[in-house]
Amino acid sequence: MENLLTALMDEFPKMRRHKPLVVIGLCSALFCLGLPYCTPKGHYVFYLIDVFKFGIGSLMGCFFTCVTVHWVFGVNNFSDMIDFMLGFRPSVLMRVVWACIAPVTLLVVFVGSLLQWRWPLYAGTIHYPVWALVLGAAVPLVTLAPIVIVALKHVIKLVWNGRGRDILKHHHQWGPGCPEARQRLNEAVRLTREAQRLNTRVTKGSVNIAFDSTDL
């Protein structure tokens, strides 16, 4: 719930002035969406949504998230964000898992799920009507369609403007919505980069790194 609220507030900052109304409206909408599960046949609906939305749909959603965050935004930039919030950077192992192992695993599981796909049967014997299967299949499509459409829109726009190399580059405004927090983050990243540069700098034994890097 809080994740959804935060995303809405970041996308539409004007909503922050009316947060109580937004919370009431969102809770009411989610309450209405949950009513079908409380009907005498709600368990059929729950199983159908569980098969489609929380199966294949969740796998693809997680895959797109991994690729976007750790390849487009960049795993190092993401690590800088974590360091800024928590005070420590993730280990190399964690970054390798996020950037390589996790997306490959999700993609393999997704392909395997498609190859072994069978139309759902409730309790292994009860067939769903065709309209119910169509409705269930539409749930993950509706969820994932905005991701694909927006991505294609940006790709076409960049290619049309001759900026195809920028397809896998994150927007320069990515970061905290608060200007003060953004400024503190940029300063923390600058200091981290400077420390890494000094720690990895190859010099002769006669060079004093601290003195040599100081502007007099």
Protein backbone atom coordinates (compact mmCIF):
# COMPACT_ATOMS: atom_id res chain seq x y z
CA MET A 1 0.00 0.00 0.00
CA GLU A 2 2.71 2.47 0.99
CA ASN A 3 4.73 1.60 -2.12
CA LEU A 4 1.76 2.42 -4.33
CA LEU A 5 1.14 5.68 -2.48
CA THR A 6 4.79 6.69 -2.77
CA ALA A 7 4.80 5.99 -6.51
CA LEU A 8 1.65 8.09 -7.00
CA MET A 9 3.02 10.96 -4.92
CA ASP A 10 6.31 10.97 -6.82
CA GLU A 11 4.60 10.88 -10.21
CA PHE A 12 1.96 13.47 -9.29
CA PRO A 13 3.47 15.76 -6.61
CA LYS A 14 0.27 17.82 -6.34
CA MET A 15 -1.39 14.82 -4.68
CA ARG A 16 0.74 15.32 -1.58
CA ARG A 17 -1.43 18.25 -0.56
CA HIS A 18 -4.45 15.94 -0.55
CA LYS A 19 -2.85 12.79 0.85
CA PRO A 20 -5.78 11.85 3.16
CA LEU A 21 -8.20 11.95 0.22
CA VAL A 22 -5.80 9.97 -1.95
CA VAL A 23 -5.44 7.32 0.77
CA ILE A 24 -9.21 7.07 1.19
CA GLY A 25 -9.76 6.82 -2.56
CA LEU A 26 -7.06 4.21 -3.04
CA CYS A 27 -8.24 2.10 -0.10
CA SER A 28 -11.82 2.29 -1.38
CA ALA A 29 -10.76 1.18 -4.86
CA LEU A 30 -8.74 -1.75 -3.50
CA PHE A 31 -11.63 -2.68 -1.20
CA CYS A 32 -14.01 -2.83 -4.17
CA LEU A 33 -11.53 -4.90 -6.17
CA GLY A 34 -11.32 -7.37 -3.28
CA LEU A 35 -15.08 -7.88 -2.95
CA PRO A 36 -15.28 -10.61 -5.64
CA TYR A 37 -12.96 -12.77 -3.51
CA CYS A 38 -15.52 -12.65 -0.67
CA THR A 39 -18.40 -14.07 -2.72
CA PRO A 40 -19.41 -17.77 -2.55
CA LYS A 41 -17.41 -18.40 -5.75
CA GLY A 42 -14.52 -16.17 -4.75
CA HIS A 43 -12.08 -19.05 -4.44
CA TYR A 44 -12.43 -19.70 -8.18
CA VAL A 45 -11.52 -16.08 -8.92
CA PHE A 46 -8.63 -16.16 -6.47
CA TYR A 47 -7.12 -19.27 -8.05
CA LEU A 48 -7.51 -17.89 -11.57
CA ILE A 49 -5.79 -14.60 -10.69
CA ASP A 50 -3.12 -16.48 -8.74
CA VAL A 51 -2.24 -18.59 -11.80
CA PHE A 52 -2.04 -15.72 -14.28
CA LYS A 53 -1.07 -12.61 -12.35
CA PHE A 54 1.18 -14.05 -9.65
CA GLY A 55 2.74 -16.63 -11.95
CA ILE A 56 3.86 -15.51 -15.39
CA GLY A 57 2.93 -11.88 -14.79
CA SER A 58 5.08 -11.57 -11.67
CA LEU A 59 8.05 -13.25 -13.36
CA MET A 60 8.03 -10.77 -16.24
CA GLY A 61 7.44 -7.82 -13.92
CA CYS A 62 10.46 -8.80 -11.81
CA PHE A 63 12.55 -9.37 -14.94
CA PHE A 64 11.77 -5.91 -16.32
CA THR A 65 12.53 -4.41 -12.91
CA CYS A 66 15.94 -6.11 -12.73
CA VAL A 67 16.90 -5.03 -16.24
CA THR A 68 15.69 -1.46 -15.76
CA VAL A 69 17.25 -0.85 -12.36
CA HIS A 70 20.54 -2.72 -12.73
CA TRP A 71 21.30 -2.26 -16.44
CA VAL A 72 19.60 0.96 -17.51
CA PHE A 73 19.93 2.90 -14.26
CA GLY A 74 23.07 0.95 -13.43
CA VAL A 75 23.98 -1.35 -10.57
CA ASN A 76 26.68 1.08 -9.38
CA ASN A 77 24.22 3.98 -9.30
CA PHE A 78 21.77 1.77 -7.42
CA SER A 79 24.53 0.87 -4.96
CA ASP A 80 25.19 4.58 -4.46
CA MET A 81 21.52 5.04 -3.58
CA ILE A 82 21.69 2.24 -1.00
CA ASP A 83 24.91 3.66 0.43
CA PHE A 84 23.24 7.06 0.73
CA MET A 85 20.19 5.63 2.53
CA LEU A 86 21.75 2.89 4.68
CA GLY A 87 25.35 3.99 5.05
CA PHE A 88 27.03 1.02 3.33
CA ARG A 89 27.42 -0.30 -0.21
CA PRO A 90 26.20 -3.77 -1.22
CA SER A 91 28.89 -6.40 -1.62
CA VAL A 92 30.23 -7.43 -5.01
CA LEU A 93 28.36 -10.73 -4.68
CA MET A 94 25.04 -8.94 -4.20
CA ARG A 95 25.66 -6.72 -7.22
CA VAL A 96 26.51 -9.74 -9.37
CA VAL A 97 23.31 -11.48 -8.22
CA TRP A 98 21.17 -8.41 -8.95
CA ALA A 99 22.69 -7.61 -12.34
CA CYS A 100 23.34 -11.09 -13.77
CA ILE A 101 22.07 -14.09 -11.85
CA ALA A 102 18.60 -12.77 -10.95
CA PRO A 103 17.52 -11.64 -14.47
CA VAL A 104 18.86 -14.81 -16.10
CA THR A 105 17.11 -16.99 -13.51
CA LEU A 106 13.81 -15.14 -13.95
CA LEU A 107 14.04 -15.44 -17.73
CA VAL A 108 14.80 -19.17 -17.56
CA VAL A 109 11.89 -19.79 -15.17
CA PHE A 110 9.58 -17.72 -17.39
CA VAL A 111 10.52 -19.67 -20.54
CA GLY A 112 10.18 -22.96 -18.66
CA SER A 113 6.73 -21.92 -17.42
CA LEU A 114 5.63 -21.18 -20.99
CA LEU A 115 6.93 -24.51 -22.27
CA GLN A 116 5.06 -26.40 -19.54
CA TRP A 117 1.94 -24.22 -19.67
CA ARG A 118 -1.43 -25.87 -19.12
CA TRP A 119 -4.77 -24.08 -18.83
CA PRO A 120 -5.72 -23.93 -15.15
CA LEU A 121 -8.12 -26.46 -13.67
CA TYR A 122 -9.56 -25.72 -10.25
CA ALA A 123 -8.81 -28.63 -7.89
CA GLY A 124 -7.41 -30.41 -10.95
CA THR A 125 -10.87 -31.26 -12.34
CA ILE A 126 -13.05 -28.15 -12.79
CA HIS A 127 -12.68 -26.35 -16.14
CA TYR A 128 -13.00 -22.58 -16.36
CA PRO A 129 -15.22 -21.09 -19.09
CA VAL A 130 -13.49 -19.44 -22.04
CA TRP A 131 -14.46 -15.91 -20.98
CA ALA A 132 -12.89 -16.49 -17.55
CA LEU A 133 -9.65 -17.68 -19.13
CA VAL A 134 -9.58 -14.65 -21.42
CA LEU A 135 -10.18 -12.36 -18.44
CA GLY A 136 -7.45 -14.07 -16.43
CA ALA A 137 -4.96 -13.85 -19.31
CA ALA A 138 -5.76 -10.15 -19.72
CA VAL A 139 -4.72 -9.34 -16.13
CA PRO A 140 -0.93 -9.74 -16.62
CA LEU A 141 -1.16 -8.19 -20.09
CA VAL A 142 -2.82 -5.07 -18.71
CA THR A 143 -0.20 -4.90 -15.96
CA LEU A 144 2.80 -5.31 -18.27
CA ALA A 145 1.48 -3.40 -21.29
CA PRO A 146 2.34 0.08 -19.90
CA ILE A 147 5.96 -1.02 -19.34
CA VAL A 148 6.34 -2.23 -22.93
CA ILE A 149 4.44 0.70 -24.46
CA VAL A 150 6.40 3.38 -22.58
CA ALA A 151 9.71 1.62 -23.33
CA LEU A 152 8.91 1.42 -27.05
CA LYS A 153 7.83 5.06 -27.04
CA HIS A 154 11.16 6.20 -25.61
CA VAL A 155 13.17 3.91 -27.91
CA ILE A 156 11.37 5.18 -31.02
CA LYS A 157 11.77 8.79 -29.86
CA LEU A 158 15.50 8.42 -29.26
CA VAL A 159 16.12 6.60 -32.54
CA TRP A 160 14.06 9.18 -34.44
CA ASN A 161 16.13 12.00 -32.94
CA GLY A 162 19.40 10.24 -33.75
CA ARG A 163 20.18 9.40 -30.12
CA GLY A 164 20.11 5.62 -30.35
CA ARG A 165 23.18 5.35 -28.13
CA ASP A 166 21.19 6.82 -25.24
CA ILE A 167 18.64 3.98 -25.18
CA LEU A 168 20.36 2.24 -22.26
CA LYS A 169 21.25 5.46 -20.40
CA HIS A 170 19.18 6.57 -17.45
CA HIS A 171 17.62 10.03 -17.28
CA HIS A 172 19.73 12.60 -15.49
CA GLN A 173 16.80 13.49 -13.20
CA TRP A 174 16.53 10.00 -11.69
CA GLY A 175 16.93 10.25 -7.94
CA PRO A 176 15.17 11.64 -4.87
CA GLY A 177 12.25 13.95 -5.56
CA CYS A 178 13.26 16.30 -2.75
CA PRO A 179 15.80 18.89 -4.03
CA GLU A 180 17.70 18.90 -0.73
CA ALA A 181 17.95 15.10 -0.67
CA ARG A 182 19.05 15.11 -4.32
CA GLN A 183 21.80 17.62 -3.54
CA ARG A 184 23.01 15.58 -0.56
CA LEU A 185 22.97 12.43 -2.71
CA ASN A 186 25.02 14.06 -5.47
CA GLU A 187 27.56 15.28 -2.93
CA ALA A 188 27.78 11.83 -1.31
CA VAL A 189 28.27 10.19 -4.72
CA ARG A 190 30.97 12.72 -5.61
CA LEU A 191 32.85 12.00 -2.39
CA THR A 192 32.51 8.24 -2.93
CA ARG A 193 33.85 8.49 -6.47
CA GLU A 194 36.73 10.66 -5.28
CA ALA A 195 37.61 8.15 -2.54
CA GLN A 196 37.50 5.27 -5.02
CA ARG A 197 39.72 7.19 -7.43
CA LEU A 198 42.31 7.83 -4.73
CA ASN A 199 42.20 4.25 -3.44
CA THR A 200 42.71 2.73 -6.90
CA ARG A 201 45.25 5.25 -8.11
CA VAL A 202 48.56 3.68 -9.15
CA THR A 203 51.50 5.81 -8.11
CA LYS A 204 55.19 5.49 -7.41
CA GLY A 205 56.33 4.95 -3.87
CA SER A 206 57.83 8.43 -3.71
CA VAL A 207 54.47 10.17 -4.37
CA ASN A 208 52.39 11.37 -1.42
CA ILE A 209 48.79 10.80 -2.58
CA ALA A 210 47.23 13.10 0.01
CA PHE A 211 49.62 15.97 -0.78
CA ASP A 212 49.54 15.36 -4.53
CA SER A 213 45.70 15.49 -4.64
CA THR A 214 45.47 18.76 -2.69
CA ASP A 215 45.05 22.02 -4.57
CA LEU A 216 47.32 24.72 -3.14
